[in-house]
């Protein structure tokens, strides 16, 4: 019987706290893995957008990341200064287009590999059946949780 089936609202709260506790532990371990990575979260998030090879304006980046354009402008300018991104203006008076540089793509791929190695190693310890079940349940949970987020149509 699940917490929802029991009819006891305290069971729902307990399940929520248990999930939040595990998420907090996962975040702590993830931050520990990040110590071996060159890029910060903001750079990784922005560079992830450019894995499709498409240039974007600051407005498009802000919309896709769900951030204020001023925040994106600051993050993009820092990434440009670090040689990770490049801004170009296709025609005079048009908005800047942002693209990832070769150095940005290389740093992104290296850091993603570091991050994924940790996830893959942990999944291997669970075995194929349990890791497959975990991923299926997590996908369902994220979909259910996401459907409750007002105005967020991210997938």
C-alpha atoms as a PDB file:
ATOM      1  CA  UNK A   1       0.000   0.000   0.000  1.00  0.00           C
ATOM      2  CA  UNK A   2       1.403   3.428  -0.925  1.00  0.00           C
ATOM      3  CA  UNK A   3       1.151   6.562   1.185  1.00  0.00           C
ATOM      4  CA  UNK A   4      -1.671   7.839  -1.041  1.00  0.00           C
ATOM      5  CA  UNK A   5      -3.621   4.571  -0.689  1.00  0.00           C
ATOM      6  CA  UNK A   6      -3.333   4.556   3.096  1.00  0.00           C
ATOM      7  CA  UNK A   7      -5.469   7.675   3.455  1.00  0.00           C
ATOM      8  CA  UNK A   8      -3.076   8.999   6.108  1.00  0.00           C
ATOM      9  CA  UNK A   9      -1.877  12.506   5.100  1.00  0.00           C
ATOM     10  CA  UNK A  10       1.114  12.070   7.443  1.00  0.00           C
ATOM     11  CA  UNK A  11       2.333   9.250   5.208  1.00  0.00           C
ATOM     12  CA  UNK A  12       2.366  11.632   2.214  1.00  0.00           C
ATOM     13  CA  UNK A  13       4.351  14.174   4.215  1.00  0.00           C
ATOM     14  CA  UNK A  14       6.789  11.491   5.350  1.00  0.00           C
ATOM     15  CA  UNK A  15       7.254  10.250   1.777  1.00  0.00           C
ATOM     16  CA  UNK A  16       7.818  13.814   0.601  1.00  0.00           C
ATOM     17  CA  UNK A  17      10.409  14.421   3.330  1.00  0.00           C
ATOM     18  CA  UNK A  18      12.135  11.140   2.522  1.00  0.00           C
ATOM     19  CA  UNK A  19      12.321  12.077  -1.168  1.00  0.00           C
ATOM     20  CA  UNK A  20      13.572  15.581  -0.331  1.00  0.00           C
ATOM     21  CA  UNK A  21      16.246  14.092   1.916  1.00  0.00           C
ATOM     22  CA  UNK A  22      17.466  11.751  -0.804  1.00  0.00           C
ATOM     23  CA  UNK A  23      17.457  14.571  -3.343  1.00  0.00           C
ATOM     24  CA  UNK A  24      19.554  16.702  -0.953  1.00  0.00           C
ATOM     25  CA  UNK A  25      22.044  13.832  -0.550  1.00  0.00           C
ATOM     26  CA  UNK A  26      22.206  13.373  -4.313  1.00  0.00           C
ATOM     27  CA  UNK A  27      22.880  17.099  -4.756  1.00  0.00           C
ATOM     28  CA  UNK A  28      25.690  16.967  -2.178  1.00  0.00           C
ATOM     29  CA  UNK A  29      27.306  14.032  -4.013  1.00  0.00           C
ATOM     30  CA  UNK A  30      26.781  15.749  -7.379  1.00  0.00           C
ATOM     31  CA  UNK A  31      28.519  18.900  -6.115  1.00  0.00           C
ATOM     32  CA  UNK A  32      31.394  16.732  -4.939  1.00  0.00           C
ATOM     33  CA  UNK A  33      31.740  15.312  -8.468  1.00  0.00           C
ATOM     34  CA  UNK A  34      31.668  18.874  -9.817  1.00  0.00           C
ATOM     35  CA  UNK A  35      34.934  19.608  -8.041  1.00  0.00           C
ATOM     36  CA  UNK A  36      36.635  17.696 -10.883  1.00  0.00           C
ATOM     37  CA  UNK A  37      34.865  19.715 -13.546  1.00  0.00           C
ATOM     38  CA  UNK A  38      36.033  22.930 -15.182  1.00  0.00           C
ATOM     39  CA  UNK A  39      32.648  24.486 -15.881  1.00  0.00           C
ATOM     40  CA  UNK A  40      30.093  25.772 -13.434  1.00  0.00           C
ATOM     41  CA  UNK A  41      26.388  25.040 -13.550  1.00  0.00           C
ATOM     42  CA  UNK A  42      25.547  28.222 -15.499  1.00  0.00           C
ATOM     43  CA  UNK A  43      28.117  27.462 -18.221  1.00  0.00           C
ATOM     44  CA  UNK A  44      26.980  23.838 -18.476  1.00  0.00           C
ATOM     45  CA  UNK A  45      23.346  24.854 -18.747  1.00  0.00           C
ATOM     46  CA  UNK A  46      24.026  27.385 -21.505  1.00  0.00           C
ATOM     47  CA  UNK A  47      26.423  25.138 -23.424  1.00  0.00           C
ATOM     48  CA  UNK A  48      23.878  22.303 -23.282  1.00  0.00           C
ATOM     49  CA  UNK A  49      21.551  24.454 -25.406  1.00  0.00           C
ATOM     50  CA  UNK A  50      24.159  24.663 -28.135  1.00  0.00           C
ATOM     51  CA  UNK A  51      24.648  20.918 -28.531  1.00  0.00           C
ATOM     52  CA  UNK A  52      22.224  21.147 -31.462  1.00  0.00           C
ATOM     53  CA  UNK A  53      24.617  23.544 -33.242  1.00  0.00           C
ATOM     54  CA  UNK A  54      21.981  26.277 -33.654  1.00  0.00           C
ATOM     55  CA  UNK A  55      22.854  29.912 -32.932  1.00  0.00           C
ATOM     56  CA  UNK A  56      20.545  31.721 -30.531  1.00  0.00           C
ATOM     57  CA  UNK A  57      19.817  35.273 -29.490  1.00  0.00           C
ATOM     58  CA  UNK A  58      19.999  36.282 -25.839  1.00  0.00           C
ATOM     59  CA  UNK A  59      16.212  36.440 -25.807  1.00  0.00           C
ATOM     60  CA  UNK A  60      15.952  32.855 -27.106  1.00  0.00           C
ATOM     61  CA  UNK A  61      18.485  31.617 -24.536  1.00  0.00           C
ATOM     62  CA  UNK A  62      16.571  33.353 -21.731  1.00  0.00           C
ATOM     63  CA  UNK A  63      13.276  31.822 -22.869  1.00  0.00           C
ATOM     64  CA  UNK A  64      14.713  28.304 -23.233  1.00  0.00           C
ATOM     65  CA  UNK A  65      16.387  28.429 -19.815  1.00  0.00           C
ATOM     66  CA  UNK A  66      13.500  30.201 -18.094  1.00  0.00           C
ATOM     67  CA  UNK A  67      15.801  32.980 -16.868  1.00  0.00           C
ATOM     68  CA  UNK A  68      15.706  36.773 -16.987  1.00  0.00           C
ATOM     69  CA  UNK A  69      17.464  38.192 -20.044  1.00  0.00           C
ATOM     70  CA  UNK A  70      19.750  40.305 -17.815  1.00  0.00           C
ATOM     71  CA  UNK A  71      20.927  37.119 -16.060  1.00  0.00           C
ATOM     72  CA  UNK A  72      21.530  35.402 -19.389  1.00  0.00           C
ATOM     73  CA  UNK A  73      23.378  38.458 -20.707  1.00  0.00           C
ATOM     74  CA  UNK A  74      25.721  38.408 -17.703  1.00  0.00           C
ATOM     75  CA  UNK A  75      26.309  34.631 -18.002  1.00  0.00           C
ATOM     76  CA  UNK A  76      26.854  34.782 -21.766  1.00  0.00           C
ATOM     77  CA  UNK A  77      29.302  37.692 -21.432  1.00  0.00           C
ATOM     78  CA  UNK A  78      31.278  35.724 -18.834  1.00  0.00           C
ATOM     79  CA  UNK A  79      31.310  32.651 -21.120  1.00  0.00           C
ATOM     80  CA  UNK A  80      32.434  34.825 -24.062  1.00  0.00           C
ATOM     81  CA  UNK A  81      35.263  36.223 -21.910  1.00  0.00           C
ATOM     82  CA  UNK A  82      36.267  32.632 -21.049  1.00  0.00           C
ATOM     83  CA  UNK A  83      36.271  31.653 -24.738  1.00  0.00           C
ATOM     84  CA  UNK A  84      33.354  29.218 -24.376  1.00  0.00           C
ATOM     85  CA  UNK A  85      30.856  31.189 -26.470  1.00  0.00           C
ATOM     86  CA  UNK A  86      31.064  33.688 -29.281  1.00  0.00           C
ATOM     87  CA  UNK A  87      28.680  36.533 -30.122  1.00  0.00           C
ATOM     88  CA  UNK A  88      28.207  37.659 -33.706  1.00  0.00           C
ATOM     89  CA  UNK A  89      25.843  40.120 -35.349  1.00  0.00           C
ATOM     90  CA  UNK A  90      24.576  38.659 -38.659  1.00  0.00           C
ATOM     91  CA  UNK A  91      23.504  42.045 -40.006  1.00  0.00           C
ATOM     92  CA  UNK A  92      23.936  45.602 -38.789  1.00  0.00           C
ATOM     93  CA  UNK A  93      21.310  46.475 -36.220  1.00  0.00           C
ATOM     94  CA  UNK A  94      20.167  42.879 -35.669  1.00  0.00           C
ATOM     95  CA  UNK A  95      20.342  41.042 -32.366  1.00  0.00           C
ATOM     96  CA  UNK A  96      23.559  39.270 -31.459  1.00  0.00           C
ATOM     97  CA  UNK A  97      23.643  35.565 -32.213  1.00  0.00           C
ATOM     98  CA  UNK A  98      25.469  33.385 -29.743  1.00  0.00           C
ATOM     99  CA  UNK A  99      27.247  30.147 -30.688  1.00  0.00           C
ATOM    100  CA  UNK A 100      29.535  27.803 -28.811  1.00  0.00           C
ATOM    101  CA  UNK A 101      33.223  27.822 -29.650  1.00  0.00           C
ATOM    102  CA  UNK A 102      35.381  24.762 -30.216  1.00  0.00           C
ATOM    103  CA  UNK A 103      36.870  25.322 -26.751  1.00  0.00           C
ATOM    104  CA  UNK A 104      33.360  25.572 -25.274  1.00  0.00           C
ATOM    105  CA  UNK A 105      32.228  22.366 -26.949  1.00  0.00           C
ATOM    106  CA  UNK A 106      35.366  20.557 -25.775  1.00  0.00           C
ATOM    107  CA  UNK A 107      35.039  21.741 -22.170  1.00  0.00           C
ATOM    108  CA  UNK A 108      31.345  20.832 -22.180  1.00  0.00           C
ATOM    109  CA  UNK A 109      31.938  17.309 -23.505  1.00  0.00           C
ATOM    110  CA  UNK A 110      34.756  16.694 -21.009  1.00  0.00           C
ATOM    111  CA  UNK A 111      32.670  17.846 -18.039  1.00  0.00           C
ATOM    112  CA  UNK A 112      29.581  15.943 -19.161  1.00  0.00           C
ATOM    113  CA  UNK A 113      31.717  12.797 -19.421  1.00  0.00           C
ATOM    114  CA  UNK A 114      32.938  13.310 -15.838  1.00  0.00           C
ATOM    115  CA  UNK A 115      29.375  13.779 -14.617  1.00  0.00           C
ATOM    116  CA  UNK A 116      27.932  10.847 -16.558  1.00  0.00           C
ATOM    117  CA  UNK A 117      30.707   8.499 -15.409  1.00  0.00           C
ATOM    118  CA  UNK A 118      29.494   8.935 -11.836  1.00  0.00           C
ATOM    119  CA  UNK A 119      25.881   8.257 -12.751  1.00  0.00           C
ATOM    120  CA  UNK A 120      26.789   5.265 -14.916  1.00  0.00           C
ATOM    121  CA  UNK A 121      29.003   3.733 -12.215  1.00  0.00           C
ATOM    122  CA  UNK A 122      26.239   4.089  -9.614  1.00  0.00           C
ATOM    123  CA  UNK A 123      23.669   2.553 -11.989  1.00  0.00           C
ATOM    124  CA  UNK A 124      26.005  -0.396 -12.655  1.00  0.00           C
ATOM    125  CA  UNK A 125      26.121  -1.147  -8.917  1.00  0.00           C
ATOM    126  CA  UNK A 126      22.334  -1.552  -8.971  1.00  0.00           C
ATOM    127  CA  UNK A 127      22.422  -4.103 -11.747  1.00  0.00           C
ATOM    128  CA  UNK A 128      20.520  -3.950 -15.022  1.00  0.00           C
ATOM    129  CA  UNK A 129      17.029  -4.725 -13.697  1.00  0.00           C
ATOM    130  CA  UNK A 130      17.118  -2.288 -10.760  1.00  0.00           C
ATOM    131  CA  UNK A 131      18.787   0.500 -12.739  1.00  0.00           C
ATOM    132  CA  UNK A 132      16.205   0.115 -15.498  1.00  0.00           C
ATOM    133  CA  UNK A 133      13.370   0.212 -12.963  1.00  0.00           C
ATOM    134  CA  UNK A 134      14.884   3.247 -11.224  1.00  0.00           C
ATOM    135  CA  UNK A 135      15.106   5.160 -14.502  1.00  0.00           C
ATOM    136  CA  UNK A 136      11.558   4.237 -15.512  1.00  0.00           C
ATOM    137  CA  UNK A 137      10.163   5.295 -12.137  1.00  0.00           C
ATOM    138  CA  UNK A 138      12.214   8.492 -12.119  1.00  0.00           C
ATOM    139  CA  UNK A 139      10.958   9.402 -15.599  1.00  0.00           C
ATOM    140  CA  UNK A 140       7.365   8.858 -14.426  1.00  0.00           C
ATOM    141  CA  UNK A 141       7.966  10.847 -11.236  1.00  0.00           C
ATOM    142  CA  UNK A 142       9.533  13.787 -13.101  1.00  0.00           C
ATOM    143  CA  UNK A 143       6.632  13.792 -15.573  1.00  0.00           C
ATOM    144  CA  UNK A 144       4.082  13.761 -12.735  1.00  0.00           C
ATOM    145  CA  UNK A 145       5.942  16.422 -10.748  1.00  0.00           C
ATOM    146  CA  UNK A 146       6.408  18.565 -13.841  1.00  0.00           C
ATOM    147  CA  UNK A 147       2.712  18.460 -14.629  1.00  0.00           C
ATOM    148  CA  UNK A 148       2.113  20.189 -11.288  1.00  0.00           C
ATOM    149  CA  UNK A 149       4.483  23.088 -12.040  1.00  0.00           C
ATOM    150  CA  UNK A 150       2.344  26.057 -13.097  1.00  0.00           C
ATOM    151  CA  UNK A 151       3.294  27.529 -16.444  1.00  0.00           C
ATOM    152  CA  UNK A 152       6.291  25.251 -16.999  1.00  0.00           C
ATOM    153  CA  UNK A 153       6.070  23.434 -20.287  1.00  0.00           C
ATOM    154  CA  UNK A 154       9.692  22.205 -20.261  1.00  0.00           C
ATOM    155  CA  UNK A 155      10.237  18.601 -21.222  1.00  0.00           C
END
